[in-house]
Each structure stands twice: as C-alpha cells, then as structure tokens.
C-alpha cells in the first residue's frame, strides 16, 4: 500500500469515527432532552414540576352588579387571560357568596397552557396550541363566569372569611412556585353579625385588629401575594374611598401581602 493510500484509509477511518461520535452525542443529547423535558398534566394543564406562579381571583356575588360593571368584569377577565397570565401559571377562581362555607372551593382552576408564538414555532403545532388554550382554558373559564348570576343581594358579605379560604385553598394547596397574585372584584364592604362596615364609623385596621372578630380575621396564607382590588360600587356608600382603601392596605400588609392597586370599576 502506498503512503498516499495509507493516509487516505486512515482519513476514512477517522471520518467514520467522528461521524459515529457525533451520532452517539446527538442520540445522548436528544435522550437527555426527552428525559428532562417538562410534561403537562392533562387535567390541570400545569407543568409536571408544578405551576410557575399563581393568580387567585375572587369575585364578590353578594350584591347585584350594575350593567356596566358586568361588562367591565368580563372585559378585565378576558384581558387578564389573554395578556397578563404567563404560560404555566395557575389560575384559581373563587366566588364570594353569602355562605362562605359553600364557596370555600374554587369554581375554576387550571394552568395557562400558553398561546401560539415565535417561541413555539419549531416545537409545536399552531393548531394544537390554539386548541388547548381556547378549548381547555379560556372558553371553560368564560363559561364558568357567565354562569354567575351577579344579581344576588345577600344579607351577609363574608369578605374576611373568603380571603382566608382563598389563601388556604388557593395559594397553599398546590405545588406552586414563583409569583402569587390576588385579584379581587368586590365593593370590599364586609358585612357580618360580628362586624359590619355599613354600621357606624369604620375603625382603623389597628383598632379593628384588637377586637375579637379582628383577631379571628387574620389570613397568613396570603403572605407574599400582591393584591389588586377592582372596586365595585357599594349599595350604600357609607365609608369614604380613602378610608376604605387605607383599611385594606393595612389589612393586607399585616398579613404579609401587599396591596398594589385599587382600580374603581366603571359605574362607581
């Protein structure tokens, strides 16, 4: 064999070895990627490693919604679903009714499976992504919300109790990492036999917290949550806006949460 032929043969063997090494490396990489790839639960739509964050929504159904506020509720929820909740975040919705024991469990709870975008262009089918988002997440939520009468007029408004349950059965019950956000649609006018914001002068939160009912109204499970209140029109405007919002800001702060914004609803 000539020197040229020997070098050519060695080159072929080296090339074959490199191709084999690349094939083994590629197979190993794809195997590792498949093994470590996060899957999605078919029922909750949440990542297998747990939701990446959580939005808890509380809708007050103890006083009738005026027509414009019904429209505003629908539009704000739609915007939240389409533009605000990140992929992989858990959305939990509670209804505030007269009997908080009946409303202690969520009326809706699923993770956002994500919408079609450039990041999914080479890994997913637009048809399947869009179907999962609309048919398994957005549309079922819309159907649940539209079943709420929003016409109730209740004797009681157990806001403190449902906030406690939203923390316990919302933020604390699941394997959730990351941000915690509480979105409330309410007039924030608590009305129970033990304490009513419709009667007398509203005390400061410091004063309220020293009362027997105030002691029972703590909600440590809300700790770490950021809060947005969509303030509905109250049947009776007995408490000045600033005094009411200050009370709730101090309440959330005392329970380890943070009131970020109070956004009056249209019609207030």
Protein backbone atom coordinates (compact mmCIF):
# COMPACT_ATOMS: atom_id res chain seq x y z
CA UNK A 1 0.00 0.00 0.00
CA UNK A 2 1.38 3.37 -0.95
CA UNK A 3 1.82 6.16 1.56
CA UNK A 4 -1.00 8.08 -0.14
CA UNK A 5 -3.38 5.13 0.06
CA UNK A 6 -2.48 4.55 3.73
CA UNK A 7 -3.19 8.20 4.60
CA UNK A 8 -6.48 8.04 2.67
CA UNK A 9 -7.51 4.90 4.55
CA UNK A 10 -6.65 6.49 7.90
CA UNK A 11 -8.65 9.56 6.92
CA UNK A 12 -11.68 7.44 6.15
CA UNK A 13 -11.41 5.64 9.49
CA UNK A 14 -11.07 8.99 11.32
CA UNK A 15 -14.08 10.41 9.45
CA UNK A 16 -16.16 7.34 10.27
CA UNK A 17 -15.16 7.58 13.92
CA UNK A 18 -16.09 11.26 14.07
CA UNK A 19 -19.47 10.57 12.47
CA UNK A 20 -20.07 7.75 14.96
CA UNK A 21 -19.10 10.02 17.88
CA UNK A 22 -21.42 12.76 16.62
CA UNK A 23 -24.27 10.27 16.24
CA UNK A 24 -23.75 8.95 19.77
CA UNK A 25 -23.54 12.50 21.12
CA UNK A 26 -26.70 13.56 19.30
CA UNK A 27 -28.59 10.49 20.48
CA UNK A 28 -27.45 11.17 24.04
CA UNK A 29 -28.49 14.83 23.84
CA UNK A 30 -31.93 14.01 22.44
CA UNK A 31 -32.36 11.29 25.04
CA UNK A 32 -31.43 13.69 27.84
CA UNK A 33 -33.74 16.38 26.45
CA UNK A 34 -36.62 13.92 26.23
CA UNK A 35 -35.94 12.68 29.77
CA UNK A 36 -35.74 16.16 31.30
CA UNK A 37 -38.48 17.78 29.19
CA UNK A 38 -41.29 19.15 31.29
CA UNK A 39 -44.61 17.47 30.59
CA UNK A 40 -48.08 18.91 31.15
CA UNK A 41 -50.84 17.38 33.27
CA UNK A 42 -53.85 16.70 31.02
CA UNK A 43 -56.38 17.68 33.67
CA UNK A 44 -54.85 20.77 35.29
CA UNK A 45 -52.72 21.81 32.26
CA UNK A 46 -49.92 22.54 34.76
CA UNK A 47 -46.23 21.72 34.20
CA UNK A 48 -45.14 18.42 35.74
CA UNK A 49 -42.72 20.25 38.05
CA UNK A 50 -45.51 22.44 39.38
CA UNK A 51 -47.14 25.72 38.36
CA UNK A 52 -44.66 28.54 37.80
CA UNK A 53 -46.83 31.06 39.65
CA UNK A 54 -50.45 31.66 40.58
CA UNK A 55 -53.28 34.11 40.08
CA UNK A 56 -56.15 33.81 42.57
CA UNK A 57 -59.29 35.68 41.50
CA UNK A 58 -62.11 36.45 43.95
CA UNK A 59 -65.47 37.58 42.55
CA UNK A 60 -67.97 39.08 45.00
CA UNK A 61 -71.53 37.93 44.29
CA UNK A 62 -73.23 39.33 47.40
CA UNK A 63 -74.55 42.50 45.73
CA UNK A 64 -76.05 42.99 42.24
CA UNK A 65 -73.64 44.11 39.52
CA UNK A 66 -74.83 47.13 37.51
CA UNK A 67 -74.90 46.54 33.75
CA UNK A 68 -71.66 48.45 33.08
CA UNK A 69 -69.82 46.60 35.83
CA UNK A 70 -70.85 43.24 34.38
CA UNK A 71 -69.33 44.33 31.08
CA UNK A 72 -66.21 45.62 32.83
CA UNK A 73 -65.77 42.37 34.76
CA UNK A 74 -66.00 40.32 31.58
CA UNK A 75 -63.56 42.56 29.72
CA UNK A 76 -61.00 42.73 32.54
CA UNK A 77 -61.02 38.96 32.99
CA UNK A 78 -60.63 38.48 29.23
CA UNK A 79 -57.67 40.87 29.14
CA UNK A 80 -56.08 39.11 32.12
CA UNK A 81 -56.36 35.71 30.41
CA UNK A 82 -55.11 36.89 27.02
CA UNK A 83 -52.40 39.34 28.05
CA UNK A 84 -51.38 39.03 31.68
CA UNK A 85 -51.22 35.46 32.99
CA UNK A 86 -47.91 33.90 31.95
CA UNK A 87 -47.73 30.41 30.50
CA UNK A 88 -47.57 27.75 33.18
CA UNK A 89 -49.23 29.92 35.82
CA UNK A 90 -52.19 28.52 37.76
CA UNK A 91 -55.45 30.48 37.65
CA UNK A 92 -57.77 29.82 40.62
CA UNK A 93 -61.19 31.50 40.80
CA UNK A 94 -63.33 31.79 43.95
CA UNK A 95 -66.87 33.10 44.29
CA UNK A 96 -67.78 35.21 47.32
CA UNK A 97 -71.34 34.34 48.35
CA UNK A 98 -73.42 34.75 51.47
CA UNK A 99 -72.34 31.38 52.88
CA UNK A 100 -68.55 31.23 52.77
CA UNK A 101 -68.62 27.52 53.76
CA UNK A 102 -70.36 26.72 50.48
CA UNK A 103 -67.88 28.83 48.49
CA UNK A 104 -64.67 27.58 50.09
CA UNK A 105 -63.55 25.65 46.99
CA UNK A 106 -62.56 27.16 43.62
CA UNK A 107 -65.15 27.31 40.84
CA UNK A 108 -62.31 27.15 38.27
CA UNK A 109 -58.70 26.05 38.49
CA UNK A 110 -56.33 25.38 35.60
CA UNK A 111 -52.91 26.45 34.38
CA UNK A 112 -52.46 28.63 31.32
CA UNK A 113 -51.18 26.18 28.64
CA UNK A 114 -49.77 29.06 26.59
CA UNK A 115 -50.62 30.74 23.32
CA UNK A 116 -49.05 30.42 19.88
CA UNK A 117 -45.93 32.50 19.36
CA UNK A 118 -42.46 32.52 17.84
CA UNK A 119 -41.07 30.53 20.77
CA UNK A 120 -43.26 27.57 19.76
CA UNK A 121 -42.67 27.82 16.03
CA UNK A 122 -40.27 24.87 15.80
CA UNK A 123 -41.57 22.74 18.66
CA UNK A 124 -45.36 22.74 18.44
CA UNK A 125 -48.30 22.85 16.08
CA UNK A 126 -50.19 26.15 15.98
CA UNK A 127 -53.46 24.23 15.62
CA UNK A 128 -52.90 22.18 18.78
CA UNK A 129 -51.57 25.09 20.85
CA UNK A 130 -54.53 27.29 19.90
CA UNK A 131 -56.99 24.47 20.55
CA UNK A 132 -55.59 23.76 24.03
CA UNK A 133 -55.62 27.42 25.01
CA UNK A 134 -59.16 28.12 23.79
CA UNK A 135 -60.97 24.84 24.39
CA UNK A 136 -59.29 23.76 27.64
CA UNK A 137 -58.56 27.09 29.34
CA UNK A 138 -60.08 30.36 28.04
CA UNK A 139 -63.52 29.10 26.96
CA UNK A 140 -64.20 26.96 30.07
CA UNK A 141 -63.32 29.93 32.27
CA UNK A 142 -65.64 32.18 30.29
CA UNK A 143 -68.44 29.63 30.62
CA UNK A 144 -67.99 29.41 34.40
CA UNK A 145 -68.02 33.20 34.83
CA UNK A 146 -71.15 33.56 32.67
CA UNK A 147 -72.99 31.13 34.95
CA UNK A 148 -72.56 33.50 37.91
CA UNK A 149 -75.80 35.40 38.28
CA UNK A 150 -74.23 38.67 39.51
CA UNK A 151 -77.76 39.53 40.63
CA UNK A 152 -77.59 38.29 44.22
CA UNK A 153 -78.47 40.52 47.16
CA UNK A 154 -77.21 38.85 50.30
CA UNK A 155 -77.70 39.72 53.95
CA UNK A 156 -74.08 38.88 54.71
CA UNK A 157 -70.80 39.60 52.96
CA UNK A 158 -68.07 37.39 54.49
CA UNK A 159 -65.08 39.07 52.89
CA UNK A 160 -62.60 38.23 55.64
CA UNK A 161 -63.64 34.58 55.68
CA UNK A 162 -63.38 34.10 51.91
CA UNK A 163 -59.98 35.84 51.88
CA UNK A 164 -58.81 33.30 54.45
CA UNK A 165 -60.14 30.44 52.32
CA UNK A 166 -58.61 31.89 49.16
CA UNK A 167 -55.26 31.74 50.90
CA UNK A 168 -55.73 28.25 52.33
CA UNK A 169 -57.48 26.56 49.38
CA UNK A 170 -55.85 28.75 46.75
CA UNK A 171 -52.24 29.68 47.42
CA UNK A 172 -51.36 26.94 49.89
CA UNK A 173 -52.89 23.80 48.44
CA UNK A 174 -50.86 23.28 45.28
CA UNK A 175 -47.27 22.76 44.20
CA UNK A 176 -46.80 26.33 43.01
CA UNK A 177 -43.54 28.22 42.56
CA UNK A 178 -42.96 31.88 41.75
CA UNK A 179 -45.27 34.90 41.94
CA UNK A 180 -48.58 34.95 43.82
CA UNK A 181 -51.21 37.47 42.74
CA UNK A 182 -54.64 38.07 44.27
CA UNK A 183 -57.22 39.81 42.05
CA UNK A 184 -60.41 40.88 43.86
CA UNK A 185 -63.68 42.10 42.33
CA UNK A 186 -65.68 43.47 45.27
CA UNK A 187 -67.03 46.57 46.99
CA UNK A 188 -64.85 45.44 49.95
CA UNK A 189 -67.69 46.22 52.35
CA UNK A 190 -67.61 43.39 54.89
CA UNK A 191 -70.99 42.77 56.49
CA UNK A 192 -71.36 40.12 59.17
CA UNK A 193 -73.16 39.95 62.50
CA UNK A 194 -69.82 40.28 64.31
CA UNK A 195 -68.69 43.30 62.28
CA UNK A 196 -70.23 45.46 59.58
CA UNK A 197 -68.74 48.28 57.53
CA UNK A 198 -72.27 49.57 56.94
CA UNK A 199 -72.82 50.40 60.60
CA UNK A 200 -71.19 53.25 62.45
CA UNK A 201 -67.77 54.73 61.70
CA UNK A 202 -65.19 52.42 60.14
CA UNK A 203 -62.34 51.92 62.63
CA UNK A 204 -58.73 51.91 61.57
CA UNK A 205 -57.29 48.48 60.91
CA UNK A 206 -55.18 48.79 64.08
CA UNK A 207 -58.35 49.31 66.10
CA UNK A 208 -60.19 46.52 64.28
CA UNK A 209 -57.35 44.04 64.77
CA UNK A 210 -57.73 44.34 68.55
CA UNK A 211 -61.38 43.27 68.52
CA UNK A 212 -62.40 39.60 68.94
CA UNK A 213 -63.53 39.39 65.29
CA UNK A 214 -60.37 41.16 64.19
CA UNK A 215 -58.27 38.52 65.95
CA UNK A 216 -60.13 35.81 64.04
CA UNK A 217 -59.81 37.57 60.67
CA UNK A 218 -56.08 37.14 60.10
CA UNK A 219 -55.07 35.43 56.84
CA UNK A 220 -51.40 34.41 56.99
CA UNK A 221 -51.87 32.17 53.93
CA UNK A 222 -51.97 35.35 51.83
CA UNK A 223 -48.35 36.04 52.73
CA UNK A 224 -46.18 37.00 49.76
CA UNK A 225 -49.11 37.83 47.48
CA UNK A 226 -49.51 41.09 45.60
CA UNK A 227 -53.10 42.32 45.56
CA UNK A 228 -55.23 44.22 43.05
CA UNK A 229 -58.72 45.35 44.07
CA UNK A 230 -61.25 46.09 41.34
CA UNK A 231 -63.57 48.21 43.46
CA UNK A 232 -67.28 47.74 42.73
CA UNK A 233 -69.98 50.26 43.55
CA UNK A 234 -71.42 49.62 47.02
CA UNK A 235 -75.18 49.61 47.66
CA UNK A 236 -74.60 52.21 50.34
CA UNK A 237 -71.57 54.46 50.20
CA UNK A 238 -71.15 54.82 53.95
CA UNK A 239 -67.33 54.73 54.01
CA UNK A 240 -65.12 57.34 52.29
CA UNK A 241 -62.98 55.88 49.49
CA UNK A 242 -59.64 56.83 51.06
CA UNK A 243 -60.55 55.43 54.46
CA UNK A 244 -61.75 52.14 52.95
CA UNK A 245 -58.66 51.63 50.80
CA UNK A 246 -56.37 52.55 53.70
CA UNK A 247 -58.07 49.94 55.90
CA UNK A 248 -57.50 47.18 53.34
CA UNK A 249 -53.94 48.25 52.59
CA UNK A 250 -53.12 47.88 56.28
CA UNK A 251 -55.00 44.58 56.48
CA UNK A 252 -53.02 43.01 53.64
CA UNK A 253 -49.74 44.39 54.95
CA UNK A 254 -50.44 42.91 58.40
CA UNK A 255 -50.94 39.54 56.73
CA UNK A 256 -47.73 39.63 54.72
CA UNK A 257 -49.33 40.65 51.43
CA UNK A 258 -49.07 43.90 49.50
CA UNK A 259 -51.94 45.97 48.08
CA UNK A 260 -50.54 47.23 44.78
CA UNK A 261 -53.51 48.94 43.17
CA UNK A 262 -57.17 49.80 43.72
CA UNK A 263 -58.95 50.24 40.40
CA UNK A 264 -62.51 51.58 40.56
CA UNK A 265 -64.83 49.74 38.21
CA UNK A 266 -66.84 51.59 35.61
CA UNK A 267 -70.09 52.80 37.14
CA UNK A 268 -68.65 53.54 40.56
